[in-house]
């Protein structure tokens, strides 16, 4: 089992590598003039962010790759986690590149992004169902052994059988896009993901998933270092390159540990952001009225008068509480 001291070293190394990469990559992004375009219908305070370099997610991806591959705990799960993260990052990079470099505002079409994400998710689902000793089973949170309620027995593990592959694809694509929607305020997605990745690193270390503990630690360190450049006022945005990569990383860790059902708990902010968009669109199409002042959810609070920094800190603290609940849900 990996020592917590080694895990701390991994986080520190990821943090330092990100701090070193930032001053090298951010000026290059400025020279390329890959500036962010801000929505005119959003909070007016965001208009000052127009032109801030984006595609900064390549800093996070590079840091995670370097940290993970030099930690000395390389196995098949680590390679799969790095491949999935990088693959989702490449989808985001392609979308960012088309939008900010080629100046085609549409980027990748929605169906193209969705199809590419589903393909990666299906590969991961097939891999895990064939390699994991649990096969097509997933752990049910809060259930230890089994629980009988009113004559119904709820097992600790749910065997999804033939539904496993579409379920895992749904979990991964939903998580990735949830992180993407969360990335709308300075330091929000990177801070929330930092907390979740740190939680997963502790869980993985305690359960004997050494390579995943290292990987999650690398993600934690990379996000922590990225906050140096992404916290308010942001000097760089991660873009879809970073948000899709981070979503892929979080989903992959959960899937490889067979705890995908815990994502709506620890990733409650991701879930709320995505749900707010779904409800907003559905409500407007069905009734012509909007539920929120603006979706995703973080913009709703901004338009209610909350400062951007307050929204970010409240969402961070909420994630801390949700991660404690998530850890309790899986305590043997």
C-alpha atoms as a PDB file:
ATOM      1  CA  UNK A   1       0.000   0.000   0.000  1.00  0.00           C
ATOM      2  CA  UNK A   2       1.276   3.447  -0.897  1.00  0.00           C
ATOM      3  CA  UNK A   3       2.424   5.590   2.007  1.00  0.00           C
ATOM      4  CA  UNK A   4       0.623   8.878   2.607  1.00  0.00           C
ATOM      5  CA  UNK A   5       4.043  10.568   2.644  1.00  0.00           C
ATOM      6  CA  UNK A   6       4.590   9.495  -0.974  1.00  0.00           C
ATOM      7  CA  UNK A   7       1.153  10.807  -1.849  1.00  0.00           C
ATOM      8  CA  UNK A   8       1.998  14.186  -0.333  1.00  0.00           C
ATOM      9  CA  UNK A   9       5.262  14.247  -2.310  1.00  0.00           C
ATOM     10  CA  UNK A  10       3.284  13.563  -5.490  1.00  0.00           C
ATOM     11  CA  UNK A  11       0.911  16.454  -4.825  1.00  0.00           C
ATOM     12  CA  UNK A  12       3.840  18.785  -4.087  1.00  0.00           C
ATOM     13  CA  UNK A  13       5.684  17.726  -7.244  1.00  0.00           C
ATOM     14  CA  UNK A  14       2.570  18.239  -9.373  1.00  0.00           C
ATOM     15  CA  UNK A  15       2.120  21.655  -7.772  1.00  0.00           C
ATOM     16  CA  UNK A  16       5.727  22.698  -8.470  1.00  0.00           C
ATOM     17  CA  UNK A  17       5.689  21.426 -12.062  1.00  0.00           C
ATOM     18  CA  UNK A  18       2.537  23.436 -12.760  1.00  0.00           C
ATOM     19  CA  UNK A  19       4.099  26.552 -11.232  1.00  0.00           C
ATOM     20  CA  UNK A  20       7.125  26.082 -13.517  1.00  0.00           C
ATOM     21  CA  UNK A  21       5.093  25.412 -16.647  1.00  0.00           C
ATOM     22  CA  UNK A  22       2.751  28.374 -16.189  1.00  0.00           C
ATOM     23  CA  UNK A  23       5.296  31.173 -16.836  1.00  0.00           C
ATOM     24  CA  UNK A  24       6.566  29.255 -19.878  1.00  0.00           C
ATOM     25  CA  UNK A  25       3.231  28.495 -21.519  1.00  0.00           C
ATOM     26  CA  UNK A  26       1.032  31.495 -20.634  1.00  0.00           C
ATOM     27  CA  UNK A  27       3.219  34.097 -22.464  1.00  0.00           C
ATOM     28  CA  UNK A  28       3.237  31.791 -25.492  1.00  0.00           C
ATOM     29  CA  UNK A  29      -0.577  31.655 -25.422  1.00  0.00           C
ATOM     30  CA  UNK A  30      -0.638  35.459 -25.280  1.00  0.00           C
ATOM     31  CA  UNK A  31       1.622  35.665 -28.338  1.00  0.00           C
ATOM     32  CA  UNK A  32      -0.718  33.316 -30.187  1.00  0.00           C
ATOM     33  CA  UNK A  33      -3.568  35.682 -29.209  1.00  0.00           C
ATOM     34  CA  UNK A  34      -5.766  32.802 -28.075  1.00  0.00           C
ATOM     35  CA  UNK A  35      -7.980  35.097 -26.000  1.00  0.00           C
ATOM     36  CA  UNK A  36     -11.304  34.126 -24.447  1.00  0.00           C
ATOM     37  CA  UNK A  37     -14.506  35.550 -25.919  1.00  0.00           C
ATOM     38  CA  UNK A  38     -17.033  36.587 -23.248  1.00  0.00           C
ATOM     39  CA  UNK A  39     -20.804  36.331 -23.724  1.00  0.00           C
ATOM     40  CA  UNK A  40     -22.512  39.732 -24.009  1.00  0.00           C
ATOM     41  CA  UNK A  41     -25.634  38.420 -22.239  1.00  0.00           C
ATOM     42  CA  UNK A  42     -23.702  37.274 -19.176  1.00  0.00           C
ATOM     43  CA  UNK A  43     -22.712  39.186 -16.050  1.00  0.00           C
ATOM     44  CA  UNK A  44     -21.279  42.549 -17.112  1.00  0.00           C
ATOM     45  CA  UNK A  45     -18.339  42.140 -14.748  1.00  0.00           C
ATOM     46  CA  UNK A  46     -17.047  39.358 -17.010  1.00  0.00           C
ATOM     47  CA  UNK A  47     -16.563  41.647 -19.995  1.00  0.00           C
ATOM     48  CA  UNK A  48     -13.200  42.742 -18.541  1.00  0.00           C
ATOM     49  CA  UNK A  49     -11.998  39.149 -19.019  1.00  0.00           C
ATOM     50  CA  UNK A  50     -12.214  39.383 -22.803  1.00  0.00           C
ATOM     51  CA  UNK A  51      -8.857  38.496 -24.319  1.00  0.00           C
ATOM     52  CA  UNK A  52      -7.544  36.559 -21.320  1.00  0.00           C
ATOM     53  CA  UNK A  53      -5.511  33.615 -22.705  1.00  0.00           C
ATOM     54  CA  UNK A  54      -7.340  30.293 -22.801  1.00  0.00           C
ATOM     55  CA  UNK A  55      -6.295  26.688 -23.611  1.00  0.00           C
ATOM     56  CA  UNK A  56      -4.397  26.789 -20.303  1.00  0.00           C
ATOM     57  CA  UNK A  57      -5.552  23.236 -19.695  1.00  0.00           C
ATOM     58  CA  UNK A  58      -2.431  22.042 -21.493  1.00  0.00           C
ATOM     59  CA  UNK A  59      -0.507  23.125 -18.383  1.00  0.00           C
ATOM     60  CA  UNK A  60      -2.637  20.801 -16.234  1.00  0.00           C
ATOM     61  CA  UNK A  61      -2.376  17.876 -18.653  1.00  0.00           C
ATOM     62  CA  UNK A  62       1.397  18.231 -19.009  1.00  0.00           C
ATOM     63  CA  UNK A  63       1.845  18.417 -15.237  1.00  0.00           C
ATOM     64  CA  UNK A  64      -0.316  15.333 -14.619  1.00  0.00           C
ATOM     65  CA  UNK A  65       1.565  13.339 -17.266  1.00  0.00           C
ATOM     66  CA  UNK A  66       5.026  14.297 -15.997  1.00  0.00           C
ATOM     67  CA  UNK A  67       4.155  13.798 -12.320  1.00  0.00           C
ATOM     68  CA  UNK A  68       2.404  10.458 -12.818  1.00  0.00           C
ATOM     69  CA  UNK A  69       4.998   8.912 -15.124  1.00  0.00           C
ATOM     70  CA  UNK A  70       7.938   9.876 -12.894  1.00  0.00           C
ATOM     71  CA  UNK A  71       6.384   8.667  -9.624  1.00  0.00           C
ATOM     72  CA  UNK A  72       7.576   5.078 -10.103  1.00  0.00           C
ATOM     73  CA  UNK A  73       4.151   3.426  -9.747  1.00  0.00           C
ATOM     74  CA  UNK A  74       3.276   2.630 -13.354  1.00  0.00           C
ATOM     75  CA  UNK A  75       0.768  -0.075 -14.200  1.00  0.00           C
ATOM     76  CA  UNK A  76      -2.082  -0.691 -16.621  1.00  0.00           C
ATOM     77  CA  UNK A  77      -4.649   1.317 -14.645  1.00  0.00           C
ATOM     78  CA  UNK A  78      -2.368   4.356 -14.584  1.00  0.00           C
ATOM     79  CA  UNK A  79      -1.781   4.170 -18.329  1.00  0.00           C
ATOM     80  CA  UNK A  80      -5.540   3.886 -18.939  1.00  0.00           C
ATOM     81  CA  UNK A  81      -6.241   6.863 -16.649  1.00  0.00           C
ATOM     82  CA  UNK A  82      -3.614   8.999 -18.366  1.00  0.00           C
ATOM     83  CA  UNK A  83      -4.833   7.948 -21.814  1.00  0.00           C
ATOM     84  CA  UNK A  84      -8.472   8.776 -21.010  1.00  0.00           C
ATOM     85  CA  UNK A  85      -7.538  12.144 -19.508  1.00  0.00           C
ATOM     86  CA  UNK A  86      -5.342  13.053 -22.455  1.00  0.00           C
ATOM     87  CA  UNK A  87      -7.949  11.878 -24.972  1.00  0.00           C
ATOM     88  CA  UNK A  88     -10.652  14.065 -23.448  1.00  0.00           C
ATOM     89  CA  UNK A  89      -8.148  16.912 -23.274  1.00  0.00           C
ATOM     90  CA  UNK A  90      -7.448  16.496 -26.997  1.00  0.00           C
ATOM     91  CA  UNK A  91     -11.167  16.783 -27.766  1.00  0.00           C
ATOM     92  CA  UNK A  92     -11.253  19.999 -25.762  1.00  0.00           C
ATOM     93  CA  UNK A  93      -8.057  21.263 -27.388  1.00  0.00           C
ATOM     94  CA  UNK A  94      -9.474  20.650 -30.857  1.00  0.00           C
ATOM     95  CA  UNK A  95     -12.622  22.561 -29.914  1.00  0.00           C
ATOM     96  CA  UNK A  96     -10.607  25.435 -28.398  1.00  0.00           C
ATOM     97  CA  UNK A  97      -8.218  25.533 -31.362  1.00  0.00           C
ATOM     98  CA  UNK A  98     -11.031  25.803 -33.881  1.00  0.00           C
ATOM     99  CA  UNK A  99     -12.719  28.569 -31.870  1.00  0.00           C
ATOM    100  CA  UNK A 100      -9.826  30.779 -30.788  1.00  0.00           C
ATOM    101  CA  UNK A 101      -7.087  30.062 -33.337  1.00  0.00           C
ATOM    102  CA  UNK A 102      -9.036  29.375 -36.519  1.00  0.00           C
ATOM    103  CA  UNK A 103     -11.657  31.930 -35.360  1.00  0.00           C
ATOM    104  CA  UNK A 104     -14.611  29.664 -36.086  1.00  0.00           C
ATOM    105  CA  UNK A 105     -16.987  30.431 -33.221  1.00  0.00           C
ATOM    106  CA  UNK A 106     -18.827  27.116 -33.430  1.00  0.00           C
ATOM    107  CA  UNK A 107     -15.771  24.979 -32.668  1.00  0.00           C
ATOM    108  CA  UNK A 108     -16.588  21.306 -32.876  1.00  0.00           C
ATOM    109  CA  UNK A 109     -20.251  20.659 -33.459  1.00  0.00           C
ATOM    110  CA  UNK A 110     -22.154  19.297 -30.464  1.00  0.00           C
ATOM    111  CA  UNK A 111     -22.694  15.890 -32.047  1.00  0.00           C
ATOM    112  CA  UNK A 112     -18.994  15.609 -32.907  1.00  0.00           C
ATOM    113  CA  UNK A 113     -17.921  16.311 -29.317  1.00  0.00           C
ATOM    114  CA  UNK A 114     -20.568  13.941 -27.968  1.00  0.00           C
ATOM    115  CA  UNK A 115     -19.604  11.121 -30.341  1.00  0.00           C
ATOM    116  CA  UNK A 116     -15.901  11.401 -29.537  1.00  0.00           C
ATOM    117  CA  UNK A 117     -16.648  11.417 -25.798  1.00  0.00           C
ATOM    118  CA  UNK A 118     -18.889   8.354 -26.082  1.00  0.00           C
ATOM    119  CA  UNK A 119     -16.210   6.424 -28.001  1.00  0.00           C
ATOM    120  CA  UNK A 120     -13.637   7.029 -25.235  1.00  0.00           C
ATOM    121  CA  UNK A 121     -16.197   6.162 -22.545  1.00  0.00           C
ATOM    122  CA  UNK A 122     -17.110   2.892 -24.271  1.00  0.00           C
ATOM    123  CA  UNK A 123     -13.456   1.870 -24.453  1.00  0.00           C
ATOM    124  CA  UNK A 124     -13.092   2.495 -20.718  1.00  0.00           C
ATOM    125  CA  UNK A 125     -16.294   0.583 -19.909  1.00  0.00           C
ATOM    126  CA  UNK A 126     -15.185  -2.445 -21.909  1.00  0.00           C
ATOM    127  CA  UNK A 127     -11.720  -2.324 -20.342  1.00  0.00           C
ATOM    128  CA  UNK A 128     -13.007  -2.147 -16.775  1.00  0.00           C
ATOM    129  CA  UNK A 129     -15.657  -4.847 -17.190  1.00  0.00           C
ATOM    130  CA  UNK A 130     -13.030  -7.251 -18.521  1.00  0.00           C
ATOM    131  CA  UNK A 131     -10.125  -6.398 -16.207  1.00  0.00           C
ATOM    132  CA  UNK A 132     -11.743  -5.613 -12.845  1.00  0.00           C
ATOM    133  CA  UNK A 133     -12.328  -8.485 -10.422  1.00  0.00           C
ATOM    134  CA  UNK A 134     -15.748  -6.961  -9.848  1.00  0.00           C
ATOM    135  CA  UNK A 135     -16.637  -7.250 -13.510  1.00  0.00           C
ATOM    136  CA  UNK A 136     -19.872  -5.348 -14.140  1.00  0.00           C
ATOM    137  CA  UNK A 137     -20.529  -4.592 -10.467  1.00  0.00           C
ATOM    138  CA  UNK A 138     -20.429  -1.153  -8.858  1.00  0.00           C
ATOM    139  CA  UNK A 139     -20.359  -0.281  -5.167  1.00  0.00           C
ATOM    140  CA  UNK A 140     -23.561   1.200  -3.738  1.00  0.00           C
ATOM    141  CA  UNK A 141     -22.836   4.116  -1.344  1.00  0.00           C
ATOM    142  CA  UNK A 142     -23.989   3.878   2.295  1.00  0.00           C
ATOM    143  CA  UNK A 143     -24.604   0.100   2.052  1.00  0.00           C
ATOM    144  CA  UNK A 144     -22.272  -2.143   4.050  1.00  0.00           C
ATOM    145  CA  UNK A 145     -22.777  -5.862   3.493  1.00  0.00           C
ATOM    146  CA  UNK A 146     -26.495  -5.742   2.666  1.00  0.00           C
ATOM    147  CA  UNK A 147     -29.520  -3.898   3.954  1.00  0.00           C
ATOM    148  CA  UNK A 148     -33.069  -5.225   4.288  1.00  0.00           C
ATOM    149  CA  UNK A 149     -35.908  -2.700   4.197  1.00  0.00           C
ATOM    150  CA  UNK A 150     -39.543  -3.845   4.179  1.00  0.00           C
ATOM    151  CA  UNK A 151     -38.617  -7.249   2.847  1.00  0.00           C
ATOM    152  CA  UNK A 152     -36.398  -5.811   0.118  1.00  0.00           C
ATOM    153  CA  UNK A 153     -32.676  -6.614   0.324  1.00  0.00           C
ATOM    154  CA  UNK A 154     -30.307  -3.964  -0.980  1.00  0.00           C
ATOM    155  CA  UNK A 155     -26.864  -5.461  -1.760  1.00  0.00           C
ATOM    156  CA  UNK A 156     -23.551  -3.694  -1.259  1.00  0.00           C
ATOM    157  CA  UNK A 157     -22.718  -4.257  -4.904  1.00  0.00           C
ATOM    158  CA  UNK A 158     -24.999  -3.709  -7.873  1.00  0.00           C
ATOM    159  CA  UNK A 159     -24.353  -5.984 -10.853  1.00  0.00           C
ATOM    160  CA  UNK A 160     -25.432  -4.055 -13.934  1.00  0.00           C
ATOM    161  CA  UNK A 161     -24.722  -6.885 -16.377  1.00  0.00           C
ATOM    162  CA  UNK A 162     -25.382  -5.821 -19.969  1.00  0.00           C
ATOM    163  CA  UNK A 163     -26.334  -2.348 -18.736  1.00  0.00           C
ATOM    164  CA  UNK A 164     -22.826  -1.752 -17.377  1.00  0.00           C
ATOM    165  CA  UNK A 165     -21.324  -0.406 -20.606  1.00  0.00           C
ATOM    166  CA  UNK A 166     -24.074   2.163 -21.393  1.00  0.00           C
ATOM    167  CA  UNK A 167     -24.193   3.130 -17.696  1.00  0.00           C
ATOM    168  CA  UNK A 168     -20.449   3.805 -17.545  1.00  0.00           C
ATOM    169  CA  UNK A 169     -20.619   5.735 -20.813  1.00  0.00           C
ATOM    170  CA  UNK A 170     -23.414   7.868 -19.356  1.00  0.00           C
ATOM    171  CA  UNK A 171     -21.474   8.484 -16.122  1.00  0.00           C
ATOM    172  CA  UNK A 172     -18.317   9.506 -17.938  1.00  0.00           C
ATOM    173  CA  UNK A 173     -19.921  11.771 -20.520  1.00  0.00           C
ATOM    174  CA  UNK A 174     -22.147  13.386 -17.859  1.00  0.00           C
ATOM    175  CA  UNK A 175     -19.194  14.034 -15.537  1.00  0.00           C
ATOM    176  CA  UNK A 176     -17.025  15.467 -18.290  1.00  0.00           C
ATOM    177  CA  UNK A 177     -19.727  17.880 -19.416  1.00  0.00           C
ATOM    178  CA  UNK A 178     -20.600  18.726 -15.811  1.00  0.00           C
ATOM    179  CA  UNK A 179     -17.029  19.884 -15.237  1.00  0.00           C
ATOM    180  CA  UNK A 180     -17.142  21.782 -18.526  1.00  0.00           C
ATOM    181  CA  UNK A 181     -20.269  23.673 -17.397  1.00  0.00           C
ATOM    182  CA  UNK A 182     -18.699  24.366 -13.986  1.00  0.00           C
ATOM    183  CA  UNK A 183     -15.761  26.109 -15.653  1.00  0.00           C
ATOM    184  CA  UNK A 184     -17.236  29.597 -15.813  1.00  0.00           C
ATOM    185  CA  UNK A 185     -15.688  31.559 -12.949  1.00  0.00           C
ATOM    186  CA  UNK A 186     -12.073  32.196 -11.979  1.00  0.00           C
ATOM    187  CA  UNK A 187     -10.814  29.212 -10.011  1.00  0.00           C
ATOM    188  CA  UNK A 188     -14.179  27.454  -9.786  1.00  0.00           C
ATOM    189  CA  UNK A 189     -13.642  24.251 -11.785  1.00  0.00           C
ATOM    190  CA  UNK A 190      -9.977  23.930 -10.792  1.00  0.00           C
ATOM    191  CA  UNK A 191     -10.772  24.422  -7.089  1.00  0.00           C
ATOM    192  CA  UNK A 192     -13.747  22.049  -7.005  1.00  0.00           C
ATOM    193  CA  UNK A 193     -11.804  19.401  -8.923  1.00  0.00           C
ATOM    194  CA  UNK A 194      -8.792  19.839  -6.633  1.00  0.00           C
ATOM    195  CA  UNK A 195     -10.943  18.930  -3.614  1.00  0.00           C
ATOM    196  CA  UNK A 196     -12.535  15.921  -5.330  1.00  0.00           C
ATOM    197  CA  UNK A 197      -9.193  14.649  -6.645  1.00  0.00           C
ATOM    198  CA  UNK A 198      -7.637  14.965  -3.173  1.00  0.00           C
ATOM    199  CA  UNK A 199     -10.541  12.945  -1.746  1.00  0.00           C
ATOM    200  CA  UNK A 200     -10.097  10.239  -4.372  1.00  0.00           C
ATOM    201  CA  UNK A 201      -6.343  10.136  -3.758  1.00  0.00           C
ATOM    202  CA  UNK A 202      -6.913   9.355  -0.063  1.00  0.00           C
ATOM    203  CA  UNK A 203      -9.555   6.746  -0.887  1.00  0.00           C
ATOM    204  CA  UNK A 204      -7.344   5.093  -3.500  1.00  0.00           C
ATOM    205  CA  UNK A 205      -4.369   5.014  -1.129  1.00  0.00           C
ATOM    206  CA  UNK A 206      -6.404   3.456   1.676  1.00  0.00           C
ATOM    207  CA  UNK A 207      -7.941   0.854  -0.649  1.00  0.00           C
ATOM    208  CA  UNK A 208      -4.641  -0.207  -2.188  1.00  0.00           C
ATOM    209  CA  UNK A 209      -5.107   1.398  -5.617  1.00  0.00           C
ATOM    210  CA  UNK A 210      -1.543   2.696  -5.586  1.00  0.00           C
ATOM    211  CA  UNK A 211      -1.302   3.921  -9.173  1.00  0.00           C
ATOM    212  CA  UNK A 212      -4.685   5.645  -8.988  1.00  0.00           C
ATOM    213  CA  UNK A 213      -3.659   7.305  -5.727  1.00  0.00           C
ATOM    214  CA  UNK A 214      -0.596   8.690  -7.504  1.00  0.00           C
ATOM    215  CA  UNK A 215      -2.683   9.773 -10.485  1.00  0.00           C
ATOM    216  CA  UNK A 216      -5.291  11.495  -8.304  1.00  0.00           C
ATOM    217  CA  UNK A 217      -2.467  13.138  -6.343  1.00  0.00           C
ATOM    218  CA  UNK A 218      -0.962  14.417  -9.589  1.00  0.00           C
ATOM    219  CA  UNK A 219      -4.335  15.895 -10.574  1.00  0.00           C
ATOM    220  CA  UNK A 220      -4.617  17.483  -7.122  1.00  0.00           C
ATOM    221  CA  UNK A 221      -1.180  19.076  -7.370  1.00  0.00           C
ATOM    222  CA  UNK A 222      -1.782  20.270 -10.927  1.00  0.00           C
ATOM    223  CA  UNK A 223      -5.080  21.926  -9.966  1.00  0.00           C
ATOM    224  CA  UNK A 224      -3.502  23.508  -6.901  1.00  0.00           C
ATOM    225  CA  UNK A 225      -0.687  24.965  -8.988  1.00  0.00           C
ATOM    226  CA  UNK A 226      -3.088  26.095 -11.702  1.00  0.00           C
ATOM    227  CA  UNK A 227      -5.006  28.161  -9.144  1.00  0.00           C
ATOM    228  CA  UNK A 228      -1.923  30.394  -8.942  1.00  0.00           C
ATOM    229  CA  UNK A 229      -2.760  31.541 -12.471  1.00  0.00           C
ATOM    230  CA  UNK A 230      -6.516  30.854 -12.577  1.00  0.00           C
ATOM    231  CA  UNK A 231      -7.755  32.307  -9.266  1.00  0.00           C
ATOM    232  CA  UNK A 232      -9.424  35.729  -9.446  1.00  0.00           C
ATOM    233  CA  UNK A 233      -8.334  37.731 -11.356  1.00  0.00           C
ATOM    234  CA  UNK A 234      -7.414  34.921 -13.735  1.00  0.00           C
ATOM    235  CA  UNK A 235      -4.295  35.255 -15.860  1.00  0.00           C
ATOM    236  CA  UNK A 236      -5.311  32.228 -17.922  1.00  0.00           C
ATOM    237  CA  UNK A 237      -8.383  30.053 -18.457  1.00  0.00           C
ATOM    238  CA  UNK A 238      -8.213  26.272 -18.804  1.00  0.00           C
ATOM    239  CA  UNK A 239     -10.667  26.208 -21.728  1.00  0.00           C
ATOM    240  CA  UNK A 240     -12.354  23.019 -22.871  1.00  0.00           C
ATOM    241  CA  UNK A 241      -8.835  21.556 -23.034  1.00  0.00           C
ATOM    242  CA  UNK A 242      -8.635  21.594 -19.251  1.00  0.00           C
ATOM    243  CA  UNK A 243     -12.265  21.099 -18.248  1.00  0.00           C
ATOM    244  CA  UNK A 244     -12.783  18.025 -20.438  1.00  0.00           C
ATOM    245  CA  UNK A 245      -9.450  16.563 -19.301  1.00  0.00           C
ATOM    246  CA  UNK A 246     -10.294  17.088 -15.625  1.00  0.00           C
ATOM    247  CA  UNK A 247     -13.770  15.639 -16.102  1.00  0.00           C
ATOM    248  CA  UNK A 248     -12.235  12.620 -17.784  1.00  0.00           C
ATOM    249  CA  UNK A 249      -9.726  12.226 -14.953  1.00  0.00           C
ATOM    250  CA  UNK A 250     -12.335  12.344 -12.166  1.00  0.00           C
ATOM    251  CA  UNK A 251     -14.717   9.972 -13.968  1.00  0.00           C
ATOM    252  CA  UNK A 252     -11.913   7.527 -14.794  1.00  0.00           C
ATOM    253  CA  UNK A 253     -10.701   7.334 -11.192  1.00  0.00           C
ATOM    254  CA  UNK A 254     -14.215   6.617  -9.935  1.00  0.00           C
ATOM    255  CA  UNK A 255     -14.875   4.007 -12.625  1.00  0.00           C
ATOM    256  CA  UNK A 256     -11.573   2.181 -12.098  1.00  0.00           C
ATOM    257  CA  UNK A 257     -12.297   2.056  -8.347  1.00  0.00           C
ATOM    258  CA  UNK A 258     -15.864   0.843  -9.044  1.00  0.00           C
ATOM    259  CA  UNK A 259     -17.362   3.806  -7.159  1.00  0.00           C
ATOM    260  CA  UNK A 260     -18.994   5.599 -10.072  1.00  0.00           C
ATOM    261  CA  UNK A 261     -22.229   5.951  -8.061  1.00  0.00           C
ATOM    262  CA  UNK A 262     -20.442   8.315  -5.682  1.00  0.00           C
ATOM    263  CA  UNK A 263     -19.817  10.949  -8.356  1.00  0.00           C
ATOM    264  CA  UNK A 264     -23.217  12.669  -7.862  1.00  0.00           C
ATOM    265  CA  UNK A 265     -22.290  13.018  -4.179  1.00  0.00           C
ATOM    266  CA  UNK A 266     -18.699  14.276  -4.233  1.00  0.00           C
ATOM    267  CA  UNK A 267     -19.311  15.963  -7.593  1.00  0.00           C
ATOM    268  CA  UNK A 268     -22.551  17.540  -6.442  1.00  0.00           C
ATOM    269  CA  UNK A 269     -21.477  20.916  -7.835  1.00  0.00           C
ATOM    270  CA  UNK A 270     -20.914  19.374 -11.279  1.00  0.00           C
ATOM    271  CA  UNK A 271     -24.354  17.761 -11.024  1.00  0.00           C
ATOM    272  CA  UNK A 272     -26.063  20.981  -9.933  1.00  0.00           C
ATOM    273  CA  UNK A 273     -24.443  23.008 -12.719  1.00  0.00           C
ATOM    274  CA  UNK A 274     -25.526  20.515 -15.390  1.00  0.00           C
ATOM    275  CA  UNK A 275     -29.009  20.118 -13.924  1.00  0.00           C
ATOM    276  CA  UNK A 276     -29.517  23.881 -13.848  1.00  0.00           C
ATOM    277  CA  UNK A 277     -28.872  24.054 -17.593  1.00  0.00           C
ATOM    278  CA  UNK A 278     -31.210  21.136 -18.324  1.00  0.00           C
ATOM    279  CA  UNK A 279     -34.002  22.622 -16.196  1.00  0.00           C
ATOM    280  CA  UNK A 280     -33.506  26.092 -17.664  1.00  0.00           C
ATOM    281  CA  UNK A 281     -33.754  24.858 -21.252  1.00  0.00           C
ATOM    282  CA  UNK A 282     -36.685  22.527 -20.525  1.00  0.00           C
ATOM    283  CA  UNK A 283     -38.619  25.208 -18.639  1.00  0.00           C
ATOM    284  CA  UNK A 284     -38.118  27.825 -21.346  1.00  0.00           C
ATOM    285  CA  UNK A 285     -39.159  25.458 -24.142  1.00  0.00           C
ATOM    286  CA  UNK A 286     -42.226  24.172 -22.272  1.00  0.00           C
ATOM    287  CA  UNK A 287     -43.474  27.334 -20.551  1.00  0.00           C
ATOM    288  CA  UNK A 288     -41.517  30.216 -22.055  1.00  0.00           C
ATOM    289  CA  UNK A 289     -40.244  31.065 -18.555  1.00  0.00           C
ATOM    290  CA  UNK A 290     -36.812  30.675 -17.001  1.00  0.00           C
ATOM    291  CA  UNK A 291     -36.238  29.095 -13.583  1.00  0.00           C
ATOM    292  CA  UNK A 292     -32.872  30.762 -13.017  1.00  0.00           C
ATOM    293  CA  UNK A 293     -31.700  34.265 -13.823  1.00  0.00           C
ATOM    294  CA  UNK A 294     -29.039  32.575 -15.936  1.00  0.00           C
ATOM    295  CA  UNK A 295     -27.611  29.089 -16.290  1.00  0.00           C
ATOM    296  CA  UNK A 296     -25.261  27.438 -15.380  1.00  0.00           C
ATOM    297  CA  UNK A 297     -26.024  27.884 -11.695  1.00  0.00           C
ATOM    298  CA  UNK A 298     -22.966  29.976 -10.789  1.00  0.00           C
ATOM    299  CA  UNK A 299     -24.170  32.776 -13.078  1.00  0.00           C
ATOM    300  CA  UNK A 300     -27.568  32.738 -11.348  1.00  0.00           C
ATOM    301  CA  UNK A 301     -25.916  33.629  -8.047  1.00  0.00           C
ATOM    302  CA  UNK A 302     -23.803  36.314  -9.713  1.00  0.00           C
ATOM    303  CA  UNK A 303     -26.900  37.958 -11.169  1.00  0.00           C
ATOM    304  CA  UNK A 304     -28.490  37.845  -7.720  1.00  0.00           C
ATOM    305  CA  UNK A 305     -25.665  40.116  -6.567  1.00  0.00           C
ATOM    306  CA  UNK A 306     -23.063  37.698  -5.203  1.00  0.00           C
ATOM    307  CA  UNK A 307     -19.455  38.689  -5.975  1.00  0.00           C
ATOM    308  CA  UNK A 308     -17.660  36.171  -8.171  1.00  0.00           C
ATOM    309  CA  UNK A 309     -15.234  35.291  -5.390  1.00  0.00           C
ATOM    310  CA  UNK A 310     -18.097  34.555  -2.980  1.00  0.00           C
ATOM    311  CA  UNK A 311     -19.737  32.145  -5.432  1.00  0.00           C
ATOM    312  CA  UNK A 312     -16.429  30.336  -5.918  1.00  0.00           C
ATOM    313  CA  UNK A 313     -15.653  30.004  -2.197  1.00  0.00           C
ATOM    314  CA  UNK A 314     -19.199  28.831  -1.361  1.00  0.00           C
ATOM    315  CA  UNK A 315     -19.012  26.187  -4.104  1.00  0.00           C
ATOM    316  CA  UNK A 316     -15.573  25.086  -2.827  1.00  0.00           C
ATOM    317  CA  UNK A 317     -16.840  24.750   0.742  1.00  0.00           C
ATOM    318  CA  UNK A 318     -19.912  22.887  -0.460  1.00  0.00           C
ATOM    319  CA  UNK A 319     -17.629  20.439  -2.255  1.00  0.00           C
ATOM    320  CA  UNK A 320     -15.591  19.908   0.931  1.00  0.00           C
ATOM    321  CA  UNK A 321     -18.782  18.941   2.798  1.00  0.00           C
ATOM    322  CA  UNK A 322     -19.942  16.694  -0.050  1.00  0.00           C
ATOM    323  CA  UNK A 323     -16.580  14.929  -0.151  1.00  0.00           C
ATOM    324  CA  UNK A 324     -16.768  14.204   3.588  1.00  0.00           C
ATOM    325  CA  UNK A 325     -20.226  12.736   3.008  1.00  0.00           C
ATOM    326  CA  UNK A 326     -18.829  10.714   0.100  1.00  0.00           C
ATOM    327  CA  UNK A 327     -16.042   9.268   2.244  1.00  0.00           C
ATOM    328  CA  UNK A 328     -18.521   8.344   4.973  1.00  0.00           C
ATOM    329  CA  UNK A 329     -20.704   6.649   2.335  1.00  0.00           C
ATOM    330  CA  UNK A 330     -17.870   4.259   1.485  1.00  0.00           C
ATOM    331  CA  UNK A 331     -16.440   3.555   4.939  1.00  0.00           C
ATOM    332  CA  UNK A 332     -16.314  -0.261   5.367  1.00  0.00           C
END
